[in-house]
Amino acid sequence: AATDLDGSLYLEKLKIILVFVCLLSFFLFFIAGWIYSGRALKPISDV
């Protein structure tokens, strides 16, 4: 038997990194979606 302190610390850091990456990705996806949806809907607005 033993305690995997290093592994637990690694998973905790990995969890923080993944949460940060997800939030950053959501923000970037929102900006990109807003820009490209505006471009996609511009012909309809012109019509």
All heavy atoms as atom14 arrays in JSON, in Angstrom:
{
  "sequence": "AATDLDGSLYLEKLKIILVFVCLLSFFLFFIAGWIYSGRALKPISDV",
  "atom14_mask": [
    [1, 1, 1, 1, 1, 0, 0, 0, 0, 0, 0, 0, 0, 0],
    [1, 1, 1, 1, 1, 0, 0, 0, 0, 0, 0, 0, 0, 0],
    [1, 1, 1, 1, 1, 1, 1, 0, 0, 0, 0, 0, 0, 0],
    [1, 1, 1, 1, 1, 1, 1, 1, 0, 0, 0, 0, 0, 0],
    [1, 1, 1, 1, 1, 1, 1, 1, 0, 0, 0, 0, 0, 0],
    [1, 1, 1, 1, 1, 1, 1, 1, 0, 0, 0, 0, 0, 0],
    [1, 1, 1, 1, 0, 0, 0, 0, 0, 0, 0, 0, 0, 0],
    [1, 1, 1, 1, 1, 1, 0, 0, 0, 0, 0, 0, 0, 0],
    [1, 1, 1, 1, 1, 1, 1, 1, 0, 0, 0, 0, 0, 0],
    [1, 1, 1, 1, 1, 1, 1, 1, 1, 1, 1, 1, 0, 0],
    [1, 1, 1, 1, 1, 1, 1, 1, 0, 0, 0, 0, 0, 0],
    [1, 1, 1, 1, 1, 1, 1, 1, 1, 0, 0, 0, 0, 0],
    [1, 1, 1, 1, 1, 1, 1, 1, 1, 0, 0, 0, 0, 0],
    [1, 1, 1, 1, 1, 1, 1, 1, 0, 0, 0, 0, 0, 0],
    [1, 1, 1, 1, 1, 1, 1, 1, 1, 0, 0, 0, 0, 0],
    [1, 1, 1, 1, 1, 1, 1, 1, 0, 0, 0, 0, 0, 0],
    [1, 1, 1, 1, 1, 1, 1, 1, 0, 0, 0, 0, 0, 0],
    [1, 1, 1, 1, 1, 1, 1, 1, 0, 0, 0, 0, 0, 0],
    [1, 1, 1, 1, 1, 1, 1, 0, 0, 0, 0, 0, 0, 0],
    [1, 1, 1, 1, 1, 1, 1, 1, 1, 1, 1, 0, 0, 0],
    [1, 1, 1, 1, 1, 1, 1, 0, 0, 0, 0, 0, 0, 0],
    [1, 1, 1, 1, 1, 1, 0, 0, 0, 0, 0, 0, 0, 0],
    [1, 1, 1, 1, 1, 1, 1, 1, 0, 0, 0, 0, 0, 0],
    [1, 1, 1, 1, 1, 1, 1, 1, 0, 0, 0, 0, 0, 0],
    [1, 1, 1, 1, 1, 1, 0, 0, 0, 0, 0, 0, 0, 0],
    [1, 1, 1, 1, 1, 1, 1, 1, 1, 1, 1, 0, 0, 0],
    [1, 1, 1, 1, 1, 1, 1, 1, 1, 1, 1, 0, 0, 0],
    [1, 1, 1, 1, 1, 1, 1, 1, 0, 0, 0, 0, 0, 0],
    [1, 1, 1, 1, 1, 1, 1, 1, 1, 1, 1, 0, 0, 0],
    [1, 1, 1, 1, 1, 1, 1, 1, 1, 1, 1, 0, 0, 0],
    [1, 1, 1, 1, 1, 1, 1, 1, 0, 0, 0, 0, 0, 0],
    [1, 1, 1, 1, 1, 0, 0, 0, 0, 0, 0, 0, 0, 0],
    [1, 1, 1, 1, 0, 0, 0, 0, 0, 0, 0, 0, 0, 0],
    [1, 1, 1, 1, 1, 1, 1, 1, 1, 1, 1, 1, 1, 1],
    [1, 1, 1, 1, 1, 1, 1, 1, 0, 0, 0, 0, 0, 0],
    [1, 1, 1, 1, 1, 1, 1, 1, 1, 1, 1, 1, 0, 0],
    [1, 1, 1, 1, 1, 1, 0, 0, 0, 0, 0, 0, 0, 0],
    [1, 1, 1, 1, 0, 0, 0, 0, 0, 0, 0, 0, 0, 0],
    [1, 1, 1, 1, 1, 1, 1, 1, 1, 1, 1, 0, 0, 0],
    [1, 1, 1, 1, 1, 0, 0, 0, 0, 0, 0, 0, 0, 0],
    [1, 1, 1, 1, 1, 1, 1, 1, 0, 0, 0, 0, 0, 0],
    [1, 1, 1, 1, 1, 1, 1, 1, 1, 0, 0, 0, 0, 0],
    [1, 1, 1, 1, 1, 1, 1, 0, 0, 0, 0, 0, 0, 0],
    [1, 1, 1, 1, 1, 1, 1, 1, 0, 0, 0, 0, 0, 0],
    [1, 1, 1, 1, 1, 1, 0, 0, 0, 0, 0, 0, 0, 0],
    [1, 1, 1, 1, 1, 1, 1, 1, 0, 0, 0, 0, 0, 0],
    [1, 1, 1, 1, 1, 1, 1, 0, 0, 0, 0, 0, 0, 0]
  ],
  "atom14_positions": [
    [[0.85, -1.19, 0.0], [0.0, 0.0, 0.0], [0.88, 1.23, 0.0], [1.98, 1.24, 0.55], [-0.93, 0.0, 1.21], [0.0, 0.0, 0.0], [0.0, 0.0, 0.0], [0.0, 0.0, 0.0], [0.0, 0.0, 0.0], [0.0, 0.0, 0.0], [0.0, 0.0, 0.0], [0.0, 0.0, 0.0], [0.0, 0.0, 0.0], [0.0, 0.0, 0.0]],
    [[0.39, 2.3, -0.63], [1.12, 3.58, -0.67], [0.13, 4.68, -1.06], [-0.99, 4.41, -1.5], [2.28, 3.5, -1.64], [0.0, 0.0, 0.0], [0.0, 0.0, 0.0], [0.0, 0.0, 0.0], [0.0, 0.0, 0.0], [0.0, 0.0, 0.0], [0.0, 0.0, 0.0], [0.0, 0.0, 0.0], [0.0, 0.0, 0.0], [0.0, 0.0, 0.0]],
    [[0.56, 5.89, -0.9], [-0.26, 7.07, -1.23], [0.33, 7.75, -2.46], [1.51, 8.09, -2.48], [-0.29, 8.06, -0.06], [-0.77, 7.4, 1.11], [-1.19, 9.25, -0.38], [0.0, 0.0, 0.0], [0.0, 0.0, 0.0], [0.0, 0.0, 0.0], [0.0, 0.0, 0.0], [0.0, 0.0, 0.0], [0.0, 0.0, 0.0], [0.0, 0.0, 0.0]],
    [[-0.51, 7.95, -3.45], [-0.05, 8.57, -4.7], [-0.3, 10.08, -4.63], [-1.2, 10.62, -5.3], [-0.78, 7.95, -5.89], [-0.2, 8.39, -7.23], [0.89, 8.99, -7.22], [-0.84, 8.14, -8.26], [0.0, 0.0, 0.0], [0.0, 0.0, 0.0], [0.0, 0.0, 0.0], [0.0, 0.0, 0.0], [0.0, 0.0, 0.0], [0.0, 0.0, 0.0]],
    [[0.49, 10.77, -3.85], [0.33, 12.22, -3.71], [0.69, 12.95, -5.0], [0.02, 13.91, -5.4], [1.19, 12.73, -2.55], [0.81, 12.21, -1.16], [1.77, 12.76, -0.12], [-0.63, 12.58, -0.82], [0.0, 0.0, 0.0], [0.0, 0.0, 0.0], [0.0, 0.0, 0.0], [0.0, 0.0, 0.0], [0.0, 0.0, 0.0], [0.0, 0.0, 0.0]],
    [[1.76, 12.5, -5.66], [2.17, 13.14, -6.91], [1.09, 12.98, -7.98], [0.8, 13.92, -8.73], [3.49, 12.53, -7.41], [4.65, 12.87, -6.48], [4.56, 13.88, -5.76], [5.64, 12.11, -6.47], [0.0, 0.0, 0.0], [0.0, 0.0, 0.0], [0.0, 0.0, 0.0], [0.0, 0.0, 0.0], [0.0, 0.0, 0.0], [0.0, 0.0, 0.0]],
    [[0.5, 11.76, -8.05], [-0.55, 11.54, -9.04], [-1.78, 12.39, -8.77], [-2.39, 12.95, -9.68], [0.0, 0.0, 0.0], [0.0, 0.0, 0.0], [0.0, 0.0, 0.0], [0.0, 0.0, 0.0], [0.0, 0.0, 0.0], [0.0, 0.0, 0.0], [0.0, 0.0, 0.0], [0.0, 0.0, 0.0], [0.0, 0.0, 0.0], [0.0, 0.0, 0.0]],
    [[-2.16, 12.52, -7.48], [-3.31, 13.35, -7.13], [-3.06, 14.8, -7.47], [-3.94, 15.51, -7.98], [-3.62, 13.19, -5.64], [-3.91, 11.85, -5.32], [0.0, 0.0, 0.0], [0.0, 0.0, 0.0], [0.0, 0.0, 0.0], [0.0, 0.0, 0.0], [0.0, 0.0, 0.0], [0.0, 0.0, 0.0], [0.0, 0.0, 0.0], [0.0, 0.0, 0.0]],
    [[-1.83, 15.26, -7.19], [-1.48, 16.64, -7.53], [-1.49, 16.85, -9.04], [-1.96, 17.89, -9.54], [-0.11, 16.98, -6.95], [0.39, 18.4, -7.16], [-0.55, 19.4, -6.49], [1.81, 18.57, -6.62], [0.0, 0.0, 0.0], [0.0, 0.0, 0.0], [0.0, 0.0, 0.0], [0.0, 0.0, 0.0], [0.0, 0.0, 0.0], [0.0, 0.0, 0.0]],
    [[-1.01, 15.86, -9.77], [-1.0, 15.94, -11.23], [-2.43, 16.03, -11.78], [-2.72, 16.86, -12.66], [-0.29, 14.72, -11.81], [-0.53, 14.49, -13.28], [0.14, 15.24, -14.24], [-1.44, 13.53, -13.69], [-0.1, 15.03, -15.58], [-1.7, 13.32, -15.03], [-1.02, 14.07, -15.97], [-1.26, 13.86, -17.3], [0.0, 0.0, 0.0], [0.0, 0.0, 0.0]],
    [[-3.34, 15.2, -11.23], [-4.72, 15.24, -11.71], [-5.39, 16.55, -11.34], [-6.22, 17.07, -12.11], [-5.5, 14.06, -11.11], [-5.14, 12.68, -11.64], [-5.96, 11.61, -10.92], [-5.38, 12.59, -13.15], [0.0, 0.0, 0.0], [0.0, 0.0, 0.0], [0.0, 0.0, 0.0], [0.0, 0.0, 0.0], [0.0, 0.0, 0.0], [0.0, 0.0, 0.0]],
    [[-5.07, 17.1, -10.19], [-5.66, 18.38, -9.79], [-5.21, 19.49, -10.73], [-6.02, 20.33, -11.16], [-5.25, 18.7, -8.35], [-6.04, 19.84, -7.73], [-7.52, 19.52, -7.57], [-7.86, 18.32, -7.42], [-8.32, 20.47, -7.6], [0.0, 0.0, 0.0], [0.0, 0.0, 0.0], [0.0, 0.0, 0.0], [0.0, 0.0, 0.0], [0.0, 0.0, 0.0]],
    [[-3.93, 19.51, -11.07], [-3.43, 20.5, -12.02], [-4.04, 20.3, -13.4], [-4.39, 21.26, -14.09], [-1.9, 20.43, -12.1], [-1.2, 20.92, -10.85], [0.32, 20.86, -11.02], [1.05, 21.39, -9.79], [2.51, 21.31, -9.95], [0.0, 0.0, 0.0], [0.0, 0.0, 0.0], [0.0, 0.0, 0.0], [0.0, 0.0, 0.0], [0.0, 0.0, 0.0]],
    [[-4.15, 19.03, -13.79], [-4.75, 18.74, -15.09], [-6.2, 19.21, -15.13], [-6.66, 19.76, -16.15], [-4.68, 17.23, -15.37], [-5.3, 16.75, -16.69], [-4.56, 17.36, -17.88], [-5.27, 15.23, -16.78], [0.0, 0.0, 0.0], [0.0, 0.0, 0.0], [0.0, 0.0, 0.0], [0.0, 0.0, 0.0], [0.0, 0.0, 0.0], [0.0, 0.0, 0.0]],
    [[-6.93, 19.03, -14.04], [-8.32, 19.48, -13.98], [-8.4, 21.0, -14.15], [-9.25, 21.51, -14.9], [-8.93, 19.07, -12.64], [-10.42, 19.38, -12.52], [-10.9, 19.18, -11.1], [-10.69, 17.74, -10.65], [-11.21, 17.52, -9.27], [0.0, 0.0, 0.0], [0.0, 0.0, 0.0], [0.0, 0.0, 0.0], [0.0, 0.0, 0.0], [0.0, 0.0, 0.0]],
    [[-7.5, 21.73, -13.46], [-7.51, 23.2, -13.57], [-7.19, 23.62, -15.0], [-7.82, 24.53, -15.57], [-6.51, 23.81, -12.57], [-6.95, 23.52, -11.14], [-6.37, 25.31, -12.79], [-5.95, 23.93, -10.09], [0.0, 0.0, 0.0], [0.0, 0.0, 0.0], [0.0, 0.0, 0.0], [0.0, 0.0, 0.0], [0.0, 0.0, 0.0], [0.0, 0.0, 0.0]],
    [[-6.2, 22.97, -15.61], [-5.81, 23.31, -16.99], [-6.96, 23.05, -17.95], [-7.27, 23.88, -18.83], [-4.56, 22.51, -17.4], [-3.35, 22.99, -16.6], [-4.29, 22.67, -18.9], [-2.11, 22.15, -16.81], [0.0, 0.0, 0.0], [0.0, 0.0, 0.0], [0.0, 0.0, 0.0], [0.0, 0.0, 0.0], [0.0, 0.0, 0.0], [0.0, 0.0, 0.0]],
    [[-7.64, 21.9, -17.8], [-8.74, 21.57, -18.71], [-9.91, 22.54, -18.55], [-10.54, 22.94, -19.54], [-9.2, 20.13, -18.46], [-8.22, 19.04, -18.87], [-8.75, 17.67, -18.48], [-7.95, 19.08, -20.37], [0.0, 0.0, 0.0], [0.0, 0.0, 0.0], [0.0, 0.0, 0.0], [0.0, 0.0, 0.0], [0.0, 0.0, 0.0], [0.0, 0.0, 0.0]],
    [[-10.21, 22.92, -17.3], [-11.29, 23.89, -17.08], [-10.94, 25.23, -17.72], [-11.78, 25.87, -18.39], [-11.56, 24.05, -15.57], [-12.51, 25.22, -15.32], [-12.15, 22.77, -14.99], [0.0, 0.0, 0.0], [0.0, 0.0, 0.0], [0.0, 0.0, 0.0], [0.0, 0.0, 0.0], [0.0, 0.0, 0.0], [0.0, 0.0, 0.0], [0.0, 0.0, 0.0]],
    [[-9.69, 25.66, -17.53], [-9.26, 26.93, -18.13], [-9.32, 26.87, -19.66], [-9.79, 27.8, -20.31], [-7.83, 27.26, -17.67], [-7.25, 28.47, -18.32], [-7.65, 29.74, -17.93], [-6.31, 28.35, -19.34], [-7.12, 30.87, -18.55], [-5.79, 29.46, -19.96], [-6.19, 30.73, -19.56], [0.0, 0.0, 0.0], [0.0, 0.0, 0.0], [0.0, 0.0, 0.0]],
    [[-8.84, 25.75, -20.21], [-8.85, 25.6, -21.68], [-10.29, 25.59, -22.2], [-10.6, 26.19, -23.24], [-8.11, 24.31, -22.09], [-8.33, 24.01, -23.56], [-6.62, 24.45, -21.81], [0.0, 0.0, 0.0], [0.0, 0.0, 0.0], [0.0, 0.0, 0.0], [0.0, 0.0, 0.0], [0.0, 0.0, 0.0], [0.0, 0.0, 0.0], [0.0, 0.0, 0.0]],
    [[-11.2, 24.93, -21.47], [-12.61, 24.89, -21.89], [-13.21, 26.29, -21.88], [-13.88, 26.7, -22.84], [-13.4, 23.96, -20.98], [-13.28, 22.22, -21.4], [0.0, 0.0, 0.0], [0.0, 0.0, 0.0], [0.0, 0.0, 0.0], [0.0, 0.0, 0.0], [0.0, 0.0, 0.0], [0.0, 0.0, 0.0], [0.0, 0.0, 0.0], [0.0, 0.0, 0.0]],
    [[-13.0, 27.04, -20.8], [-13.55, 28.39, -20.71], [-12.98, 29.29, -21.8], [-13.7, 30.06, -22.44], [-13.27, 28.97, -19.32], [-13.97, 28.28, -18.15], [-13.56, 28.92, -16.84], [-15.49, 28.33, -18.32], [0.0, 0.0, 0.0], [0.0, 0.0, 0.0], [0.0, 0.0, 0.0], [0.0, 0.0, 0.0], [0.0, 0.0, 0.0], [0.0, 0.0, 0.0]],
    [[-11.66, 29.2, -22.01], [-11.03, 29.99, -23.06], [-11.58, 29.6, -24.44], [-11.84, 30.46, -25.29], [-9.52, 29.82, -23.01], [-8.71, 30.6, -24.06], [-8.93, 32.1, -23.9], [-7.23, 30.26, -23.97], [0.0, 0.0, 0.0], [0.0, 0.0, 0.0], [0.0, 0.0, 0.0], [0.0, 0.0, 0.0], [0.0, 0.0, 0.0], [0.0, 0.0, 0.0]],
    [[-11.75, 28.29, -24.65], [-12.28, 27.81, -25.93], [-13.7, 28.29, -26.13], [-14.07, 28.7, -27.24], [-12.22, 26.28, -25.98], [-10.89, 25.82, -25.86], [0.0, 0.0, 0.0], [0.0, 0.0, 0.0], [0.0, 0.0, 0.0], [0.0, 0.0, 0.0], [0.0, 0.0, 0.0], [0.0, 0.0, 0.0], [0.0, 0.0, 0.0], [0.0, 0.0, 0.0]],
    [[-14.52, 28.26, -25.06], [-15.9, 28.75, -25.19], [-15.91, 30.22, -25.59], [-16.71, 30.64, -26.44], [-16.65, 28.58, -23.87], [-16.86, 27.14, -23.48], [-17.09, 26.8, -22.16], [-16.82, 26.14, -24.43], [-17.27, 25.47, -21.8], [-17.0, 24.82, -24.08], [-17.23, 24.48, -22.76], [0.0, 0.0, 0.0], [0.0, 0.0, 0.0], [0.0, 0.0, 0.0]],
    [[-15.03, 31.01, -24.99], [-14.96, 32.43, -25.33], [-14.54, 32.62, -26.78], [-15.15, 33.42, -27.52], [-13.99, 33.13, -24.38], [-13.79, 34.58, -24.69], [-14.78, 35.51, -24.39], [-12.62, 35.01, -25.3], [-14.59, 36.85, -24.69], [-12.42, 36.35, -25.59], [-13.41, 37.28, -25.28], [0.0, 0.0, 0.0], [0.0, 0.0, 0.0], [0.0, 0.0, 0.0]],
    [[-13.51, 31.89, -27.2], [-13.05, 32.0, -28.59], [-14.11, 31.5, -29.56], [-14.31, 32.09, -30.64], [-11.74, 31.22, -28.77], [-10.53, 31.76, -27.99], [-9.32, 30.85, -28.22], [-10.2, 33.18, -28.41], [0.0, 0.0, 0.0], [0.0, 0.0, 0.0], [0.0, 0.0, 0.0], [0.0, 0.0, 0.0], [0.0, 0.0, 0.0], [0.0, 0.0, 0.0]],
    [[-14.8, 30.41, -29.2], [-15.87, 29.89, -30.05], [-16.99, 30.91, -30.18], [-17.58, 31.07, -31.26], [-16.43, 28.59, -29.48], [-15.47, 27.44, -29.58], [-15.62, 26.32, -28.78], [-14.41, 27.46, -30.47], [-14.74, 25.25, -28.86], [-13.52, 26.4, -30.56], [-13.7, 25.29, -29.75], [0.0, 0.0, 0.0], [0.0, 0.0, 0.0], [0.0, 0.0, 0.0]],
    [[-17.3, 31.6, -29.06], [-18.35, 32.6, -29.11], [-17.98, 33.75, -30.05], [-18.79, 34.18, -30.87], [-18.61, 33.13, -27.69], [-19.56, 34.3, -27.65], [-20.91, 34.1, -27.76], [-19.07, 35.58, -27.52], [-21.79, 35.17, -27.74], [-19.94, 36.66, -27.5], [-21.3, 36.46, -27.6], [0.0, 0.0, 0.0], [0.0, 0.0, 0.0], [0.0, 0.0, 0.0]],
    [[-16.73, 34.24, -29.92], [-16.3, 35.33, -30.79], [-16.3, 34.89, -32.25], [-16.81, 35.59, -33.14], [-14.89, 35.81, -30.37], [-14.91, 36.37, -28.94], [-14.38, 36.87, -31.34], [-15.79, 37.58, -28.76], [0.0, 0.0, 0.0], [0.0, 0.0, 0.0], [0.0, 0.0, 0.0], [0.0, 0.0, 0.0], [0.0, 0.0, 0.0], [0.0, 0.0, 0.0]],
    [[-15.72, 33.71, -32.5], [-15.66, 33.22, -33.89], [-17.06, 32.97, -34.44], [-17.36, 33.29, -35.6], [-14.83, 31.93, -33.95], [0.0, 0.0, 0.0], [0.0, 0.0, 0.0], [0.0, 0.0, 0.0], [0.0, 0.0, 0.0], [0.0, 0.0, 0.0], [0.0, 0.0, 0.0], [0.0, 0.0, 0.0], [0.0, 0.0, 0.0], [0.0, 0.0, 0.0]],
    [[-17.93, 32.37, -33.62], [-19.31, 32.12, -34.07], [-20.05, 33.41, -34.36], [-20.81, 33.49, -35.33], [0.0, 0.0, 0.0], [0.0, 0.0, 0.0], [0.0, 0.0, 0.0], [0.0, 0.0, 0.0], [0.0, 0.0, 0.0], [0.0, 0.0, 0.0], [0.0, 0.0, 0.0], [0.0, 0.0, 0.0], [0.0, 0.0, 0.0], [0.0, 0.0, 0.0]],
    [[-19.83, 34.44, -33.5], [-20.5, 35.72, -33.72], [-20.03, 36.35, -35.03], [-20.83, 36.88, -35.8], [-20.21, 36.63, -32.53], [-20.87, 37.97, -32.63], [-22.19, 38.25, -32.49], [-20.22, 39.21, -32.91], [-22.41, 39.6, -32.66], [-21.21, 40.22, -32.92], [-18.89, 39.57, -33.14], [-20.92, 41.55, -33.16], [-18.59, 40.9, -33.37], [-19.6, 41.88, -33.38]],
    [[-18.72, 36.29, -35.28], [-18.18, 36.89, -36.51], [-18.67, 36.15, -37.75], [-19.19, 36.74, -38.71], [-16.64, 36.91, -36.46], [-16.15, 37.86, -35.35], [-16.06, 37.34, -37.81], [-14.65, 37.82, -35.12], [0.0, 0.0, 0.0], [0.0, 0.0, 0.0], [0.0, 0.0, 0.0], [0.0, 0.0, 0.0], [0.0, 0.0, 0.0], [0.0, 0.0, 0.0]],
    [[-18.52, 34.82, -37.73], [-18.86, 34.05, -38.93], [-20.37, 33.97, -39.14], [-20.83, 33.92, -40.29], [-18.26, 32.65, -38.83], [-16.78, 32.64, -39.1], [-15.86, 32.49, -38.06], [-16.27, 32.79, -40.38], [-14.5, 32.49, -38.29], [-14.91, 32.79, -40.63], [-14.03, 32.65, -39.58], [-12.68, 32.66, -39.81], [0.0, 0.0, 0.0], [0.0, 0.0, 0.0]],
    [[-21.16, 33.95, -38.07], [-22.61, 33.97, -38.25], [-23.06, 35.31, -38.83], [-23.99, 35.36, -39.65], [-23.31, 33.72, -36.92], [-23.0, 34.73, -35.97], [0.0, 0.0, 0.0], [0.0, 0.0, 0.0], [0.0, 0.0, 0.0], [0.0, 0.0, 0.0], [0.0, 0.0, 0.0], [0.0, 0.0, 0.0], [0.0, 0.0, 0.0], [0.0, 0.0, 0.0]],
    [[-22.38, 36.4, -38.39], [-22.69, 37.7, -38.99], [-22.39, 37.73, -40.47], [-23.16, 38.26, -41.27], [0.0, 0.0, 0.0], [0.0, 0.0, 0.0], [0.0, 0.0, 0.0], [0.0, 0.0, 0.0], [0.0, 0.0, 0.0], [0.0, 0.0, 0.0], [0.0, 0.0, 0.0], [0.0, 0.0, 0.0], [0.0, 0.0, 0.0], [0.0, 0.0, 0.0]],
    [[-21.23, 37.13, -40.84], [-20.9, 37.06, -42.27], [-21.89, 36.17, -43.03], [-22.25, 36.46, -44.16], [-19.49, 36.54, -42.44], [-18.4, 37.5, -41.97], [-17.01, 36.93, -42.22], [-15.96, 37.85, -41.79], [-14.66, 37.58, -41.88], [-14.26, 36.43, -42.42], [-13.77, 38.46, -41.46], [0.0, 0.0, 0.0], [0.0, 0.0, 0.0], [0.0, 0.0, 0.0]],
    [[-22.29, 35.08, -42.38], [-23.21, 34.16, -43.06], [-24.58, 34.77, -43.24], [-25.26, 34.51, -44.24], [-23.3, 32.85, -42.27], [0.0, 0.0, 0.0], [0.0, 0.0, 0.0], [0.0, 0.0, 0.0], [0.0, 0.0, 0.0], [0.0, 0.0, 0.0], [0.0, 0.0, 0.0], [0.0, 0.0, 0.0], [0.0, 0.0, 0.0], [0.0, 0.0, 0.0]],
    [[-25.02, 35.6, -42.26], [-26.36, 36.19, -42.34], [-26.37, 37.53, -43.07], [-27.45, 38.08, -43.3], [-26.91, 36.39, -40.92], [-27.15, 35.1, -40.12], [-27.63, 35.43, -38.72], [-28.16, 34.2, -40.82], [0.0, 0.0, 0.0], [0.0, 0.0, 0.0], [0.0, 0.0, 0.0], [0.0, 0.0, 0.0], [0.0, 0.0, 0.0], [0.0, 0.0, 0.0]],
    [[-25.2, 38.07, -43.42], [-25.16, 39.37, -44.1], [-25.91, 39.36, -45.43], [-26.64, 40.32, -45.73], [-23.7, 39.79, -44.33], [-23.56, 41.2, -44.88], [-22.1, 41.58, -45.03], [-21.98, 43.04, -45.52], [-22.67, 43.25, -46.8], [0.0, 0.0, 0.0], [0.0, 0.0, 0.0], [0.0, 0.0, 0.0], [0.0, 0.0, 0.0], [0.0, 0.0, 0.0]],
    [[-25.76, 38.3, -46.28], [-26.56, 38.3, -47.52], [-28.06, 38.36, -47.26], [-28.78, 39.04, -48.0], [-26.15, 36.98, -48.19], [-24.79, 36.68, -47.65], [-24.82, 37.17, -46.24], [0.0, 0.0, 0.0], [0.0, 0.0, 0.0], [0.0, 0.0, 0.0], [0.0, 0.0, 0.0], [0.0, 0.0, 0.0], [0.0, 0.0, 0.0], [0.0, 0.0, 0.0]],
    [[-28.52, 37.68, -46.2], [-29.95, 37.74, -45.88], [-30.33, 39.15, -45.45], [-31.39, 39.68, -45.84], [-30.29, 36.72, -44.79], [-29.98, 35.3, -45.28], [-31.75, 36.83, -44.38], [-30.25, 34.23, -44.27], [0.0, 0.0, 0.0], [0.0, 0.0, 0.0], [0.0, 0.0, 0.0], [0.0, 0.0, 0.0], [0.0, 0.0, 0.0], [0.0, 0.0, 0.0]],
    [[-29.48, 39.79, -44.64], [-29.75, 41.17, -44.23], [-29.79, 42.1, -45.43], [-30.64, 43.01, -45.51], [-28.68, 41.63, -43.23], [-28.66, 40.8, -42.09], [0.0, 0.0, 0.0], [0.0, 0.0, 0.0], [0.0, 0.0, 0.0], [0.0, 0.0, 0.0], [0.0, 0.0, 0.0], [0.0, 0.0, 0.0], [0.0, 0.0, 0.0], [0.0, 0.0, 0.0]],
    [[-28.88, 41.89, -46.4], [-28.87, 42.72, -47.61], [-30.16, 42.53, -48.4], [-30.73, 43.49, -48.93], [-27.66, 42.38, -48.47], [-26.35, 42.76, -47.79], [-26.39, 43.6, -46.87], [-25.3, 42.19, -48.17], [0.0, 0.0, 0.0], [0.0, 0.0, 0.0], [0.0, 0.0, 0.0], [0.0, 0.0, 0.0], [0.0, 0.0, 0.0], [0.0, 0.0, 0.0]],
    [[-30.63, 41.26, -48.48], [-31.87, 40.99, -49.21], [-33.04, 41.69, -48.53], [-33.89, 42.33, -49.18], [-32.11, 39.47, -49.3], [-33.52, 39.18, -49.83], [-31.08, 38.82, -50.21], [0.0, 0.0, 0.0], [0.0, 0.0, 0.0], [0.0, 0.0, 0.0], [0.0, 0.0, 0.0], [0.0, 0.0, 0.0], [0.0, 0.0, 0.0], [0.0, 0.0, 0.0]]
  ]
}
